[in-house]
Amino acid sequence: MASFDEEMTRGREIGALHPGPSVAGHSIQYNKDKHAWIIDQTLVVCSLPEYRCLKLLLEHADRCVPFAHFVNHLQETPISDTALLKQEKLRVAHVMSNLRTKIWALGLDIASVMNVGYILLSDAQKDHEPPL
């Protein structure tokens, strides 16, 4: 995450922002060309793989996104070799780890659903869950 001065400088360079996916309790905008998100008025600059993965997670907030969806968004050609698929899953895990550090302070988190995929969680969701 960038400091306030860096955010202001980059914010002027971001250009046109578009409304992002709806996630309860959060205001989201994006600029596809700059691979940037504005989440709750905080600039989150991503690499292209991070941008694509975060887009999928935000579009499917509260729902598990299968590994195959991430792999398809990161690869230009389909993968059929199991060794390459395993390597690509490791790449996705690395991207998710980087994303978690960028969005955690914003009240968002990414959870791994073992052998299935990932799910985006929001602190706003915790506030609306009934107590156990």
C-alpha atoms as a PDB file:
ATOM      1  CA  MET A   1       0.000   0.000   0.000  1.00  0.00           C
ATOM      2  CA  ALA A   2       1.271   3.480  -0.865  1.00  0.00           C
ATOM      3  CA  SER A   3       1.770   6.414   1.500  1.00  0.00           C
ATOM      4  CA  PHE A   4      -0.646   9.346   1.341  1.00  0.00           C
ATOM      5  CA  ASP A   5       1.752  11.524  -0.737  1.00  0.00           C
ATOM      6  CA  GLU A   6       2.435   8.661  -3.136  1.00  0.00           C
ATOM      7  CA  GLU A   7      -1.299   7.996  -3.414  1.00  0.00           C
ATOM      8  CA  MET A   8      -2.020  11.629  -4.233  1.00  0.00           C
ATOM      9  CA  THR A   9       0.709  11.706  -6.893  1.00  0.00           C
ATOM     10  CA  ARG A  10      -0.430   8.404  -8.421  1.00  0.00           C
ATOM     11  CA  GLY A  11      -4.063   9.432  -8.077  1.00  0.00           C
ATOM     12  CA  ARG A  12      -3.466  12.314 -10.454  1.00  0.00           C
ATOM     13  CA  GLU A  13      -1.813   9.888 -12.868  1.00  0.00           C
ATOM     14  CA  ILE A  14      -4.529   7.212 -12.625  1.00  0.00           C
ATOM     15  CA  GLY A  15      -6.858   8.921 -15.064  1.00  0.00           C
ATOM     16  CA  ALA A  16     -10.456   7.858 -15.617  1.00  0.00           C
ATOM     17  CA  LEU A  17     -11.909   5.674 -12.904  1.00  0.00           C
ATOM     18  CA  HIS A  18     -14.819   3.312 -13.458  1.00  0.00           C
ATOM     19  CA  PRO A  19     -17.257   1.971 -10.875  1.00  0.00           C
ATOM     20  CA  GLY A  20     -16.098  -1.387  -9.583  1.00  0.00           C
ATOM     21  CA  PRO A  21     -17.938  -4.480  -8.432  1.00  0.00           C
ATOM     22  CA  SER A  22     -20.279  -4.149  -5.477  1.00  0.00           C
ATOM     23  CA  VAL A  23     -18.904  -5.468  -2.197  1.00  0.00           C
ATOM     24  CA  ALA A  24     -20.920  -4.833   0.969  1.00  0.00           C
ATOM     25  CA  GLY A  25     -19.460  -2.036   3.054  1.00  0.00           C
ATOM     26  CA  HIS A  26     -16.883  -0.955   0.460  1.00  0.00           C
ATOM     27  CA  SER A  27     -16.594   1.662  -2.269  1.00  0.00           C
ATOM     28  CA  ILE A  28     -14.675   0.312  -5.269  1.00  0.00           C
ATOM     29  CA  GLN A  29     -13.397   1.929  -8.460  1.00  0.00           C
ATOM     30  CA  TYR A  30     -10.802   0.794 -10.972  1.00  0.00           C
ATOM     31  CA  ASN A  31      -8.601   1.807 -13.886  1.00  0.00           C
ATOM     32  CA  LYS A  32      -7.895  -1.170 -16.120  1.00  0.00           C
ATOM     33  CA  ASP A  33      -5.078   0.501 -18.077  1.00  0.00           C
ATOM     34  CA  LYS A  34      -3.095   1.277 -14.904  1.00  0.00           C
ATOM     35  CA  HIS A  35      -3.984  -2.018 -13.141  1.00  0.00           C
ATOM     36  CA  ALA A  36      -5.188   0.032 -10.192  1.00  0.00           C
ATOM     37  CA  TRP A  37      -8.078  -0.174  -7.764  1.00  0.00           C
ATOM     38  CA  ILE A  38      -9.419   2.513  -5.443  1.00  0.00           C
ATOM     39  CA  ILE A  39     -10.958   0.695  -2.485  1.00  0.00           C
ATOM     40  CA  ASP A  40     -12.494   2.880   0.194  1.00  0.00           C
ATOM     41  CA  GLN A  41     -10.527   5.866  -1.158  1.00  0.00           C
ATOM     42  CA  THR A  42      -7.228   3.976  -0.903  1.00  0.00           C
ATOM     43  CA  LEU A  43      -5.101   3.356  -3.989  1.00  0.00           C
ATOM     44  CA  VAL A  44      -4.129  -0.275  -4.572  1.00  0.00           C
ATOM     45  CA  VAL A  45      -1.665  -0.614  -7.459  1.00  0.00           C
ATOM     46  CA  CYS A  46      -1.343  -4.145  -8.813  1.00  0.00           C
ATOM     47  CA  SER A  47       0.709  -6.107 -11.273  1.00  0.00           C
ATOM     48  CA  LEU A  48      -1.346  -7.407 -14.205  1.00  0.00           C
ATOM     49  CA  PRO A  49      -1.779 -10.896 -12.653  1.00  0.00           C
ATOM     50  CA  GLU A  50      -2.776  -9.332  -9.309  1.00  0.00           C
ATOM     51  CA  TYR A  51      -5.245  -7.008 -11.035  1.00  0.00           C
ATOM     52  CA  ARG A  52      -6.899  -9.890 -12.894  1.00  0.00           C
ATOM     53  CA  CYS A  53      -7.144 -12.090  -9.787  1.00  0.00           C
ATOM     54  CA  LEU A  54      -8.492  -9.281  -7.605  1.00  0.00           C
ATOM     55  CA  LYS A  55     -11.072  -8.479 -10.282  1.00  0.00           C
ATOM     56  CA  LEU A  56     -12.321 -12.078 -10.178  1.00  0.00           C
ATOM     57  CA  LEU A  57     -12.451 -12.074  -6.379  1.00  0.00           C
ATOM     58  CA  LEU A  58     -14.298  -8.756  -6.200  1.00  0.00           C
ATOM     59  CA  GLU A  59     -16.809  -9.836  -8.856  1.00  0.00           C
ATOM     60  CA  HIS A  60     -17.499 -13.025  -6.884  1.00  0.00           C
ATOM     61  CA  ALA A  61     -17.225 -11.664  -3.331  1.00  0.00           C
ATOM     62  CA  ASP A  62     -18.585 -14.105  -0.741  1.00  0.00           C
ATOM     63  CA  ARG A  63     -18.338 -16.979  -3.210  1.00  0.00           C
ATOM     64  CA  CYS A  64     -15.511 -19.395  -3.846  1.00  0.00           C
ATOM     65  CA  VAL A  65     -13.702 -18.830  -7.137  1.00  0.00           C
ATOM     66  CA  PRO A  66     -12.228 -22.115  -8.443  1.00  0.00           C
ATOM     67  CA  PHE A  67      -8.510 -22.398  -9.267  1.00  0.00           C
ATOM     68  CA  ALA A  68      -9.415 -22.995 -12.915  1.00  0.00           C
ATOM     69  CA  HIS A  69     -10.874 -19.474 -13.201  1.00  0.00           C
ATOM     70  CA  PHE A  70      -7.640 -17.912 -11.956  1.00  0.00           C
ATOM     71  CA  VAL A  71      -5.501 -20.108 -14.192  1.00  0.00           C
ATOM     72  CA  ASN A  72      -7.641 -19.196 -17.217  1.00  0.00           C
ATOM     73  CA  HIS A  73      -7.251 -15.478 -16.465  1.00  0.00           C
ATOM     74  CA  LEU A  74      -3.480 -15.753 -16.053  1.00  0.00           C
ATOM     75  CA  GLN A  75      -2.766 -17.969 -19.062  1.00  0.00           C
ATOM     76  CA  GLU A  76      -3.274 -17.059 -22.684  1.00  0.00           C
ATOM     77  CA  THR A  77      -3.487 -20.699 -23.754  1.00  0.00           C
ATOM     78  CA  PRO A  78      -5.222 -23.562 -21.905  1.00  0.00           C
ATOM     79  CA  ILE A  79      -3.010 -25.861 -19.825  1.00  0.00           C
ATOM     80  CA  SER A  80      -3.449 -29.594 -20.211  1.00  0.00           C
ATOM     81  CA  ASP A  81      -0.175 -30.854 -18.685  1.00  0.00           C
ATOM     82  CA  THR A  82      -0.644 -31.704 -14.995  1.00  0.00           C
ATOM     83  CA  ALA A  83       2.897 -30.572 -14.078  1.00  0.00           C
ATOM     84  CA  LEU A  84       2.281 -27.162 -15.657  1.00  0.00           C
ATOM     85  CA  LEU A  85      -1.109 -26.938 -13.954  1.00  0.00           C
ATOM     86  CA  LYS A  86       0.489 -27.596 -10.563  1.00  0.00           C
ATOM     87  CA  GLN A  87       3.105 -24.925 -11.297  1.00  0.00           C
ATOM     88  CA  GLU A  88       0.344 -22.495 -12.259  1.00  0.00           C
ATOM     89  CA  LYS A  89      -1.528 -23.193  -9.001  1.00  0.00           C
ATOM     90  CA  LEU A  90       1.653 -22.278  -7.123  1.00  0.00           C
ATOM     91  CA  ARG A  91       1.830 -19.057  -9.132  1.00  0.00           C
ATOM     92  CA  VAL A  92      -1.789 -18.278  -8.190  1.00  0.00           C
ATOM     93  CA  ALA A  93      -0.959 -18.921  -4.519  1.00  0.00           C
ATOM     94  CA  HIS A  94       1.945 -16.458  -4.749  1.00  0.00           C
ATOM     95  CA  VAL A  95      -0.279 -13.815  -6.380  1.00  0.00           C
ATOM     96  CA  MET A  96      -2.922 -14.327  -3.659  1.00  0.00           C
ATOM     97  CA  SER A  97      -0.299 -13.915  -0.945  1.00  0.00           C
ATOM     98  CA  ASN A  98       0.796 -10.598  -2.466  1.00  0.00           C
ATOM     99  CA  LEU A  99      -2.817  -9.432  -2.808  1.00  0.00           C
ATOM    100  CA  ARG A 100      -3.622 -10.296   0.815  1.00  0.00           C
ATOM    101  CA  THR A 101      -0.917  -7.917   2.017  1.00  0.00           C
ATOM    102  CA  LYS A 102      -2.308  -5.136  -0.176  1.00  0.00           C
ATOM    103  CA  ILE A 103      -5.977  -5.421   0.820  1.00  0.00           C
ATOM    104  CA  TRP A 104      -5.871  -6.660   4.418  1.00  0.00           C
ATOM    105  CA  ALA A 105      -5.724  -3.144   5.927  1.00  0.00           C
ATOM    106  CA  LEU A 106      -8.845  -2.254   3.905  1.00  0.00           C
ATOM    107  CA  GLY A 107     -11.003  -4.789   5.742  1.00  0.00           C
ATOM    108  CA  LEU A 108     -10.722  -7.425   3.007  1.00  0.00           C
ATOM    109  CA  ASP A 109      -9.079 -10.822   3.159  1.00  0.00           C
ATOM    110  CA  ILE A 110      -8.536 -13.760   0.849  1.00  0.00           C
ATOM    111  CA  ALA A 111      -9.084 -17.251   2.195  1.00  0.00           C
ATOM    112  CA  SER A 112      -7.953 -20.435   0.530  1.00  0.00           C
ATOM    113  CA  VAL A 113     -10.578 -23.141   0.154  1.00  0.00           C
ATOM    114  CA  MET A 114      -8.421 -26.253   0.195  1.00  0.00           C
ATOM    115  CA  ASN A 115      -8.104 -27.919  -3.220  1.00  0.00           C
ATOM    116  CA  VAL A 116     -10.952 -25.776  -4.600  1.00  0.00           C
ATOM    117  CA  GLY A 117      -9.995 -22.103  -4.935  1.00  0.00           C
ATOM    118  CA  TYR A 118     -10.151 -18.789  -3.083  1.00  0.00           C
ATOM    119  CA  ILE A 119     -12.846 -16.603  -1.533  1.00  0.00           C
ATOM    120  CA  LEU A 120     -12.832 -12.875  -0.791  1.00  0.00           C
ATOM    121  CA  LEU A 121     -13.971 -12.039   2.742  1.00  0.00           C
ATOM    122  CA  SER A 122     -14.947  -8.619   4.053  1.00  0.00           C
ATOM    123  CA  ASP A 123     -15.028  -7.239   7.605  1.00  0.00           C
ATOM    124  CA  ALA A 124     -18.470  -5.833   6.732  1.00  0.00           C
ATOM    125  CA  GLN A 125     -19.681  -9.432   6.313  1.00  0.00           C
ATOM    126  CA  LYS A 126     -18.510 -10.308   9.826  1.00  0.00           C
ATOM    127  CA  ASP A 127     -20.598  -7.451  11.230  1.00  0.00           C
ATOM    128  CA  HIS A 128     -23.753  -8.933   9.670  1.00  0.00           C
ATOM    129  CA  GLU A 129     -23.183 -12.566  10.650  1.00  0.00           C
ATOM    130  CA  PRO A 130     -25.306 -13.873  13.511  1.00  0.00           C
ATOM    131  CA  PRO A 131     -23.347 -14.823  16.657  1.00  0.00           C
ATOM    132  CA  LEU A 132     -22.730 -18.497  17.291  1.00  0.00           C
END
